[in-house]
Amino acid sequence: MFALSNFTMNLSSYTLSEAQISVLDKGLTFIPSTHYVPYARILECKNRSIRSIKMRDYFYKKTSVSTILMHSKIFLNPRVLGVSE
């Protein structure tokens, strides 16, 4: 057990880096934040969630595997399938 700074004490055998000590010194109320919002990732997750809801609704109480495989591409974007609009 040794003191790393005035606020942080390492009770383990793990050696902490200066960056880790700096974050620990900020205390339990410290919340790291990003400098930007990844809009593309947010939209991708939203679209995936909507597709998942549509699929669950469409296949609700349909247990046949052949039915699911036959209609597995019904909710894909036409551009993904190579079909022009």
PDB file of N, CA and C in Angstrom:
ATOM      1  N   MET A   1       0.857  -1.175   0.000  1.00  0.00           N
ATOM      2  CA  MET A   1       0.000   0.000   0.000  1.00  0.00           C
ATOM      3  C   MET A   1       0.896   1.227   0.000  1.00  0.00           C
ATOM      4  N   PHE A   2       0.695   2.102  -0.963  1.00  0.00           N
ATOM      5  CA  PHE A   2       1.472   3.331  -1.036  1.00  0.00           C
ATOM      6  C   PHE A   2       0.613   4.455  -1.581  1.00  0.00           C
ATOM      7  N   ALA A   3       0.966   5.660  -1.226  1.00  0.00           N
ATOM      8  CA  ALA A   3       0.192   6.828  -1.658  1.00  0.00           C
ATOM      9  C   ALA A   3       0.640   7.257  -3.039  1.00  0.00           C
ATOM     10  N   LEU A   4      -0.297   7.459  -3.936  1.00  0.00           N
ATOM     11  CA  LEU A   4       0.002   7.911  -5.285  1.00  0.00           C
ATOM     12  C   LEU A   4      -0.096   9.427  -5.387  1.00  0.00           C
ATOM     13  N   SER A   5      -1.021   9.997  -4.667  1.00  0.00           N
ATOM     14  CA  SER A   5      -1.203  11.436  -4.635  1.00  0.00           C
ATOM     15  C   SER A   5      -1.903  11.765  -3.325  1.00  0.00           C
ATOM     16  N   ASN A   6      -2.309  13.002  -3.163  1.00  0.00           N
ATOM     17  CA  ASN A   6      -3.003  13.374  -1.936  1.00  0.00           C
ATOM     18  C   ASN A   6      -4.378  12.730  -1.833  1.00  0.00           C
ATOM     19  N   PHE A   7      -4.972  12.348  -2.970  1.00  0.00           N
ATOM     20  CA  PHE A   7      -6.341  11.847  -2.976  1.00  0.00           C
ATOM     21  C   PHE A   7      -6.459  10.358  -3.291  1.00  0.00           C
ATOM     22  N   THR A   8      -5.463   9.763  -3.920  1.00  0.00           N
ATOM     23  CA  THR A   8      -5.554   8.384  -4.390  1.00  0.00           C
ATOM     24  C   THR A   8      -4.560   7.486  -3.675  1.00  0.00           C
ATOM     25  N   MET A   9      -5.040   6.321  -3.227  1.00  0.00           N
ATOM     26  CA  MET A   9      -4.182   5.331  -2.591  1.00  0.00           C
ATOM     27  C   MET A   9      -4.431   3.995  -3.272  1.00  0.00           C
ATOM     28  N   ASN A  10      -3.391   3.357  -3.778  1.00  0.00           N
ATOM     29  CA  ASN A  10      -3.499   2.085  -4.477  1.00  0.00           C
ATOM     30  C   ASN A  10      -3.386   0.955  -3.456  1.00  0.00           C
ATOM     31  N   LEU A  11      -4.442   0.166  -3.301  1.00  0.00           N
ATOM     32  CA  LEU A  11      -4.449  -0.953  -2.365  1.00  0.00           C
ATOM     33  C   LEU A  11      -4.187  -2.282  -3.056  1.00  0.00           C
ATOM     34  N   SER A  12      -3.953  -2.259  -4.360  1.00  0.00           N
ATOM     35  CA  SER A  12      -3.714  -3.484  -5.119  1.00  0.00           C
ATOM     36  C   SER A  12      -2.264  -3.554  -5.572  1.00  0.00           C
ATOM     37  N   SER A  13      -1.925  -4.655  -6.227  1.00  0.00           N
ATOM     38  CA  SER A  13      -0.573  -4.810  -6.770  1.00  0.00           C
ATOM     39  C   SER A  13      -0.472  -4.248  -8.187  1.00  0.00           C
ATOM     40  N   TYR A  14      -1.588  -3.758  -8.733  1.00  0.00           N
ATOM     41  CA  TYR A  14      -1.634  -3.189 -10.085  1.00  0.00           C
ATOM     42  C   TYR A  14      -0.968  -1.822 -10.089  1.00  0.00           C
ATOM     43  N   THR A  15      -0.084  -1.582 -11.030  1.00  0.00           N
ATOM     44  CA  THR A  15       0.596  -0.297 -11.155  1.00  0.00           C
ATOM     45  C   THR A  15      -0.241   0.635 -12.017  1.00  0.00           C
ATOM     46  N   LEU A  16      -0.582   1.787 -11.480  1.00  0.00           N
ATOM     47  CA  LEU A  16      -1.407   2.756 -12.192  1.00  0.00           C
ATOM     48  C   LEU A  16      -0.550   3.730 -12.981  1.00  0.00           C
ATOM     49  N   SER A  17      -1.050   4.128 -14.160  1.00  0.00           N
ATOM     50  CA  SER A  17      -0.359   5.129 -14.962  1.00  0.00           C
ATOM     51  C   SER A  17      -0.723   6.517 -14.443  1.00  0.00           C
ATOM     52  N   GLU A  18      -0.017   7.525 -14.926  1.00  0.00           N
ATOM     53  CA  GLU A  18      -0.313   8.906 -14.506  1.00  0.00           C
ATOM     54  C   GLU A  18      -1.720   9.330 -14.926  1.00  0.00           C
ATOM     55  N   ALA A  19      -2.163   8.892 -16.102  1.00  0.00           N
ATOM     56  CA  ALA A  19      -3.508   9.233 -16.577  1.00  0.00           C
ATOM     57  C   ALA A  19      -4.570   8.605 -15.678  1.00  0.00           C
ATOM     58  N   GLN A  20      -4.373   7.357 -15.267  1.00  0.00           N
ATOM     59  CA  GLN A  20      -5.324   6.689 -14.388  1.00  0.00           C
ATOM     60  C   GLN A  20      -5.381   7.371 -13.026  1.00  0.00           C
ATOM     61  N   ILE A  21      -4.244   7.769 -12.517  1.00  0.00           N
ATOM     62  CA  ILE A  21      -4.190   8.476 -11.237  1.00  0.00           C
ATOM     63  C   ILE A  21      -4.905   9.814 -11.349  1.00  0.00           C
ATOM     64  N   SER A  22      -4.696  10.504 -12.456  1.00  0.00           N
ATOM     65  CA  SER A  22      -5.330  11.798 -12.675  1.00  0.00           C
ATOM     66  C   SER A  22      -6.858  11.670 -12.675  1.00  0.00           C
ATOM     67  N   VAL A  23      -7.380  10.628 -13.347  1.00  0.00           N
ATOM     68  CA  VAL A  23      -8.830  10.415 -13.382  1.00  0.00           C
ATOM     69  C   VAL A  23      -9.351  10.057 -11.999  1.00  0.00           C
ATOM     70  N   LEU A  24      -8.636   9.213 -11.273  1.00  0.00           N
ATOM     71  CA  LEU A  24      -9.061   8.840  -9.925  1.00  0.00           C
ATOM     72  C   LEU A  24      -9.050  10.041  -8.983  1.00  0.00           C
ATOM     73  N   ASP A  25      -8.109  10.958  -9.174  1.00  0.00           N
ATOM     74  CA  ASP A  25      -8.031  12.156  -8.337  1.00  0.00           C
ATOM     75  C   ASP A  25      -9.228  13.088  -8.532  1.00  0.00           C
ATOM     76  N   LYS A  26      -9.906  12.966  -9.671  1.00  0.00           N
ATOM     77  CA  LYS A  26     -11.061  13.836  -9.934  1.00  0.00           C
ATOM     78  C   LYS A  26     -12.251  13.467  -9.053  1.00  0.00           C
ATOM     79  N   GLY A  27     -12.271  12.262  -8.507  1.00  0.00           N
ATOM     80  CA  GLY A  27     -13.318  11.859  -7.571  1.00  0.00           C
ATOM     81  C   GLY A  27     -14.446  11.086  -8.210  1.00  0.00           C
ATOM     82  N   LEU A  28     -15.391  10.662  -7.378  1.00  0.00           N
ATOM     83  CA  LEU A  28     -16.508   9.832  -7.839  1.00  0.00           C
ATOM     84  C   LEU A  28     -17.559  10.604  -8.617  1.00  0.00           C
ATOM     85  N   THR A  29     -17.551  11.908  -8.526  1.00  0.00           N
ATOM     86  CA  THR A  29     -18.554  12.697  -9.243  1.00  0.00           C
ATOM     87  C   THR A  29     -18.093  13.090 -10.651  1.00  0.00           C
ATOM     88  N   PHE A  30     -16.877  12.712 -11.028  1.00  0.00           N
ATOM     89  CA  PHE A  30     -16.356  13.036 -12.358  1.00  0.00           C
ATOM     90  C   PHE A  30     -17.069  12.200 -13.412  1.00  0.00           C
ATOM     91  N   ILE A  31     -17.557  12.854 -14.469  1.00  0.00           N
ATOM     92  CA  ILE A  31     -18.224  12.175 -15.577  1.00  0.00           C
ATOM     93  C   ILE A  31     -17.494  12.562 -16.865  1.00  0.00           C
ATOM     94  N   PRO A  32     -16.811  11.604 -17.491  1.00  0.00           N
ATOM     95  CA  PRO A  32     -16.132  11.930 -18.752  1.00  0.00           C
ATOM     96  C   PRO A  32     -17.148  12.179 -19.853  1.00  0.00           C
ATOM     97  N   SER A  33     -16.836  13.070 -20.766  1.00  0.00           N
ATOM     98  CA  SER A  33     -17.738  13.361 -21.872  1.00  0.00           C
ATOM     99  C   SER A  33     -16.953  13.392 -23.174  1.00  0.00           C
ATOM    100  N   THR A  34     -17.681  13.262 -24.264  1.00  0.00           N
ATOM    101  CA  THR A  34     -17.048  13.314 -25.575  1.00  0.00           C
ATOM    102  C   THR A  34     -17.118  14.739 -26.115  1.00  0.00           C
ATOM    103  N   HIS A  35     -16.280  15.019 -27.090  1.00  0.00           N
ATOM    104  CA  HIS A  35     -16.247  16.349 -27.692  1.00  0.00           C
ATOM    105  C   HIS A  35     -17.232  16.484 -28.852  1.00  0.00           C
ATOM    106  N   TYR A  36     -17.741  15.354 -29.317  1.00  0.00           N
ATOM    107  CA  TYR A  36     -18.687  15.381 -30.426  1.00  0.00           C
ATOM    108  C   TYR A  36     -19.733  14.292 -30.222  1.00  0.00           C
ATOM    109  N   VAL A  37     -20.837  14.430 -30.909  1.00  0.00           N
ATOM    110  CA  VAL A  37     -21.892  13.423 -30.870  1.00  0.00           C
ATOM    111  C   VAL A  37     -21.841  12.654 -32.182  1.00  0.00           C
ATOM    112  N   PRO A  38     -21.639  11.333 -32.133  1.00  0.00           N
ATOM    113  CA  PRO A  38     -21.548  10.539 -33.364  1.00  0.00           C
ATOM    114  C   PRO A  38     -22.932  10.310 -33.987  1.00  0.00           C
ATOM    115  N   TYR A  39     -23.404  11.291 -34.745  1.00  0.00           N
ATOM    116  CA  TYR A  39     -24.750  11.240 -35.323  1.00  0.00           C
ATOM    117  C   TYR A  39     -24.953  10.023 -36.217  1.00  0.00           C
ATOM    118  N   ALA A  40     -23.948   9.653 -36.989  1.00  0.00           N
ATOM    119  CA  ALA A  40     -24.085   8.509 -37.892  1.00  0.00           C
ATOM    120  C   ALA A  40     -24.344   7.239 -37.092  1.00  0.00           C
ATOM    121  N   ARG A  41     -23.658   7.065 -35.994  1.00  0.00           N
ATOM    122  CA  ARG A  41     -23.846   5.872 -35.147  1.00  0.00           C
ATOM    123  C   ARG A  41     -25.235   5.876 -34.501  1.00  0.00           C
ATOM    124  N   ILE A  42     -25.700   7.042 -34.082  1.00  0.00           N
ATOM    125  CA  ILE A  42     -27.034   7.159 -33.485  1.00  0.00           C
ATOM    126  C   ILE A  42     -28.100   6.788 -34.504  1.00  0.00           C
ATOM    127  N   LEU A  43     -27.985   7.295 -35.730  1.00  0.00           N
ATOM    128  CA  LEU A  43     -28.953   6.977 -36.787  1.00  0.00           C
ATOM    129  C   LEU A  43     -28.917   5.493 -37.154  1.00  0.00           C
ATOM    130  N   GLU A  44     -27.725   4.926 -37.190  1.00  0.00           N
ATOM    131  CA  GLU A  44     -27.583   3.501 -37.495  1.00  0.00           C
ATOM    132  C   GLU A  44     -28.287   2.651 -36.436  1.00  0.00           C
ATOM    133  N   CYS A  45     -28.103   2.974 -35.175  1.00  0.00           N
ATOM    134  CA  CYS A  45     -28.748   2.234 -34.091  1.00  0.00           C
ATOM    135  C   CYS A  45     -30.271   2.412 -34.125  1.00  0.00           C
ATOM    136  N   LYS A  46     -30.718   3.620 -34.445  1.00  0.00           N
ATOM    137  CA  LYS A  46     -32.160   3.877 -34.540  1.00  0.00           C
ATOM    138  C   LYS A  46     -32.773   3.036 -35.658  1.00  0.00           C
ATOM    139  N   ASN A  47     -32.129   3.024 -36.808  1.00  0.00           N
ATOM    140  CA  ASN A  47     -32.642   2.254 -37.947  1.00  0.00           C
ATOM    141  C   ASN A  47     -32.635   0.756 -37.652  1.00  0.00           C
ATOM    142  N   ARG A  48     -31.612   0.272 -36.990  1.00  0.00           N
ATOM    143  CA  ARG A  48     -31.546  -1.142 -36.631  1.00  0.00           C
ATOM    144  C   ARG A  48     -32.661  -1.502 -35.651  1.00  0.00           C
ATOM    145  N   SER A  49     -32.945  -0.611 -34.709  1.00  0.00           N
ATOM    146  CA  SER A  49     -34.017  -0.857 -33.734  1.00  0.00           C
ATOM    147  C   SER A  49     -35.384  -0.885 -34.417  1.00  0.00           C
ATOM    148  N   ILE A  50     -35.615   0.052 -35.335  1.00  0.00           N
ATOM    149  CA  ILE A  50     -36.885   0.086 -36.072  1.00  0.00           C
ATOM    150  C   ILE A  50     -37.050  -1.184 -36.895  1.00  0.00           C
ATOM    151  N   ARG A  51     -36.002  -1.627 -37.571  1.00  0.00           N
ATOM    152  CA  ARG A  51     -36.069  -2.852 -38.359  1.00  0.00           C
ATOM    153  C   ARG A  51     -36.354  -4.048 -37.467  1.00  0.00           C
ATOM    154  N   SER A  52     -35.732  -4.107 -36.316  1.00  0.00           N
ATOM    155  CA  SER A  52     -35.957  -5.210 -35.389  1.00  0.00           C
ATOM    156  C   SER A  52     -37.410  -5.250 -34.915  1.00  0.00           C
ATOM    157  N   ILE A  53     -37.976  -4.087 -34.626  1.00  0.00           N
ATOM    158  CA  ILE A  53     -39.378  -4.018 -34.200  1.00  0.00           C
ATOM    159  C   ILE A  53     -40.299  -4.475 -35.330  1.00  0.00           C
ATOM    160  N   LYS A  54     -40.014  -4.044 -36.569  1.00  0.00           N
ATOM    161  CA  LYS A  54     -40.824  -4.461 -37.713  1.00  0.00           C
ATOM    162  C   LYS A  54     -40.759  -5.974 -37.906  1.00  0.00           C
ATOM    163  N   MET A  55     -39.571  -6.538 -37.774  1.00  0.00           N
ATOM    164  CA  MET A  55     -39.407  -7.980 -37.952  1.00  0.00           C
ATOM    165  C   MET A  55     -40.149  -8.750 -36.866  1.00  0.00           C
ATOM    166  N   ARG A  56     -40.040  -8.299 -35.635  1.00  0.00           N
ATOM    167  CA  ARG A  56     -40.745  -8.977 -34.535  1.00  0.00           C
ATOM    168  C   ARG A  56     -42.255  -8.901 -34.730  1.00  0.00           C
ATOM    169  N   ASP A  57     -42.735  -7.766 -35.184  1.00  0.00           N
ATOM    170  CA  ASP A  57     -44.169  -7.616 -35.422  1.00  0.00           C
ATOM    171  C   ASP A  57     -44.624  -8.517 -36.569  1.00  0.00           C
ATOM    172  N   TYR A  58     -43.875  -8.543 -37.656  1.00  0.00           N
ATOM    173  CA  TYR A  58     -44.253  -9.325 -38.823  1.00  0.00           C
ATOM    174  C   TYR A  58     -44.262 -10.824 -38.517  1.00  0.00           C
ATOM    175  N   PHE A  59     -43.240 -11.286 -37.789  1.00  0.00           N
ATOM    176  CA  PHE A  59     -43.100 -12.714 -37.519  1.00  0.00           C
ATOM    177  C   PHE A  59     -43.692 -13.133 -36.174  1.00  0.00           C
ATOM    178  N   TYR A  60     -44.498 -12.289 -35.559  1.00  0.00           N
ATOM    179  CA  TYR A  60     -45.119 -12.614 -34.286  1.00  0.00           C
ATOM    180  C   TYR A  60     -46.002 -13.858 -34.435  1.00  0.00           C
ATOM    181  N   LYS A  61     -45.732 -14.861 -33.643  1.00  0.00           N
ATOM    182  CA  LYS A  61     -46.461 -16.141 -33.630  1.00  0.00           C
ATOM    183  C   LYS A  61     -46.330 -16.921 -34.933  1.00  0.00           C
ATOM    184  N   LYS A  62     -45.311 -16.638 -35.742  1.00  0.00           N
ATOM    185  CA  LYS A  62     -45.025 -17.447 -36.935  1.00  0.00           C
ATOM    186  C   LYS A  62     -43.800 -18.282 -36.592  1.00  0.00           C
ATOM    187  N   THR A  63     -43.987 -19.566 -36.400  1.00  0.00           N
ATOM    188  CA  THR A  63     -42.899 -20.422 -35.932  1.00  0.00           C
ATOM    189  C   THR A  63     -42.211 -21.194 -37.040  1.00  0.00           C
ATOM    190  N   SER A  64     -42.743 -21.207 -38.230  1.00  0.00           N
ATOM    191  CA  SER A  64     -42.163 -21.963 -39.326  1.00  0.00           C
ATOM    192  C   SER A  64     -40.840 -21.346 -39.755  1.00  0.00           C
ATOM    193  N   VAL A  65     -39.781 -22.148 -39.749  1.00  0.00           N
ATOM    194  CA  VAL A  65     -38.457 -21.663 -40.147  1.00  0.00           C
ATOM    195  C   VAL A  65     -38.440 -21.319 -41.633  1.00  0.00           C
ATOM    196  N   SER A  66     -39.121 -22.097 -42.446  1.00  0.00           N
ATOM    197  CA  SER A  66     -39.135 -21.828 -43.888  1.00  0.00           C
ATOM    198  C   SER A  66     -39.808 -20.490 -44.186  1.00  0.00           C
ATOM    199  N   THR A  67     -40.849 -20.143 -43.430  1.00  0.00           N
ATOM    200  CA  THR A  67     -41.523 -18.851 -43.616  1.00  0.00           C
ATOM    201  C   THR A  67     -40.584 -17.715 -43.265  1.00  0.00           C
ATOM    202  N   ILE A  68     -39.848 -17.858 -42.187  1.00  0.00           N
ATOM    203  CA  ILE A  68     -38.908 -16.817 -41.761  1.00  0.00           C
ATOM    204  C   ILE A  68     -37.788 -16.657 -42.782  1.00  0.00           C
ATOM    205  N   LEU A  69     -37.224 -17.762 -43.262  1.00  0.00           N
ATOM    206  CA  LEU A  69     -36.145 -17.689 -44.246  1.00  0.00           C
ATOM    207  C   LEU A  69     -36.634 -17.127 -45.577  1.00  0.00           C
ATOM    208  N   MET A  70     -37.852 -17.460 -45.962  1.00  0.00           N
ATOM    209  CA  MET A  70     -38.408 -16.998 -47.225  1.00  0.00           C
ATOM    210  C   MET A  70     -38.608 -15.476 -47.220  1.00  0.00           C
ATOM    211  N   HIS A  71     -38.980 -14.914 -46.083  1.00  0.00           N
ATOM    212  CA  HIS A  71     -39.281 -13.489 -45.985  1.00  0.00           C
ATOM    213  C   HIS A  71     -38.209 -12.706 -45.242  1.00  0.00           C
ATOM    214  N   SER A  72     -37.005 -13.231 -45.131  1.00  0.00           N
ATOM    215  CA  SER A  72     -35.988 -12.579 -44.310  1.00  0.00           C
ATOM    216  C   SER A  72     -35.525 -11.243 -44.883  1.00  0.00           C
ATOM    217  N   LYS A  73     -35.698 -11.000 -46.184  1.00  0.00           N
ATOM    218  CA  LYS A  73     -35.224  -9.756 -46.788  1.00  0.00           C
ATOM    219  C   LYS A  73     -36.358  -8.775 -47.076  1.00  0.00           C
ATOM    220  N   ILE A  74     -37.522  -9.014 -46.527  1.00  0.00           N
ATOM    221  CA  ILE A  74     -38.682  -8.180 -46.849  1.00  0.00           C
ATOM    222  C   ILE A  74     -38.534  -6.744 -46.359  1.00  0.00           C
ATOM    223  N   PHE A  75     -37.791  -6.520 -45.283  1.00  0.00           N
ATOM    224  CA  PHE A  75     -37.682  -5.183 -44.720  1.00  0.00           C
ATOM    225  C   PHE A  75     -36.355  -4.508 -45.049  1.00  0.00           C
ATOM    226  N   LEU A  76     -35.579  -5.054 -45.977  1.00  0.00           N
ATOM    227  CA  LEU A  76     -34.319  -4.425 -46.356  1.00  0.00           C
ATOM    228  C   LEU A  76     -34.579  -3.284 -47.333  1.00  0.00           C
ATOM    229  N   ASN A  77     -33.697  -2.305 -47.273  1.00  0.00           N
ATOM    230  CA  ASN A  77     -33.754  -1.174 -48.172  1.00  0.00           C
ATOM    231  C   ASN A  77     -33.548  -1.662 -49.614  1.00  0.00           C
ATOM    232  N   PRO A  78     -34.340  -1.208 -50.595  1.00  0.00           N
ATOM    233  CA  PRO A  78     -34.167  -1.662 -51.976  1.00  0.00           C
ATOM    234  C   PRO A  78     -32.773  -1.395 -52.526  1.00  0.00           C
ATOM    235  N   ARG A  79     -32.142  -0.316 -52.056  1.00  0.00           N
ATOM    236  CA  ARG A  79     -30.789  -0.005 -52.529  1.00  0.00           C
ATOM    237  C   ARG A  79     -29.805  -1.071 -52.073  1.00  0.00           C
ATOM    238  N   VAL A  80     -30.029  -1.641 -50.894  1.00  0.00           N
ATOM    239  CA  VAL A  80     -29.158  -2.696 -50.372  1.00  0.00           C
ATOM    240  C   VAL A  80     -29.277  -3.945 -51.233  1.00  0.00           C
ATOM    241  N   LEU A  81     -30.484  -4.238 -51.701  1.00  0.00           N
ATOM    242  CA  LEU A  81     -30.726  -5.417 -52.510  1.00  0.00           C
ATOM    243  C   LEU A  81     -30.339  -5.224 -53.989  1.00  0.00           C
ATOM    244  N   GLY A  82     -29.993  -3.995 -54.375  1.00  0.00           N
ATOM    245  CA  GLY A  82     -29.605  -3.717 -55.753  1.00  0.00           C
ATOM    246  C   GLY A  82     -30.778  -3.448 -56.665  1.00  0.00           C
ATOM    247  N   VAL A  83     -31.942  -3.180 -56.117  1.00  0.00           N
ATOM    248  CA  VAL A  83     -33.136  -2.884 -56.907  1.00  0.00           C
ATOM    249  C   VAL A  83     -33.281  -1.389 -57.029  1.00  0.00           C
ATOM    250  N   SER A  84     -33.441  -0.884 -58.241  1.00  0.00           N
ATOM    251  CA  SER A  84     -33.619   0.562 -58.405  1.00  0.00           C
ATOM    252  C   SER A  84     -35.057   0.934 -58.106  1.00  0.00           C
ATOM    253  N   GLU A  85     -35.224   2.129 -57.578  1.00  0.00           N
ATOM    254  CA  GLU A  85     -36.576   2.597 -57.196  1.00  0.00           C
ATOM    255  C   GLU A  85     -37.284   3.232 -58.357  1.00  0.00           C
TER     256      GLU A  85
END
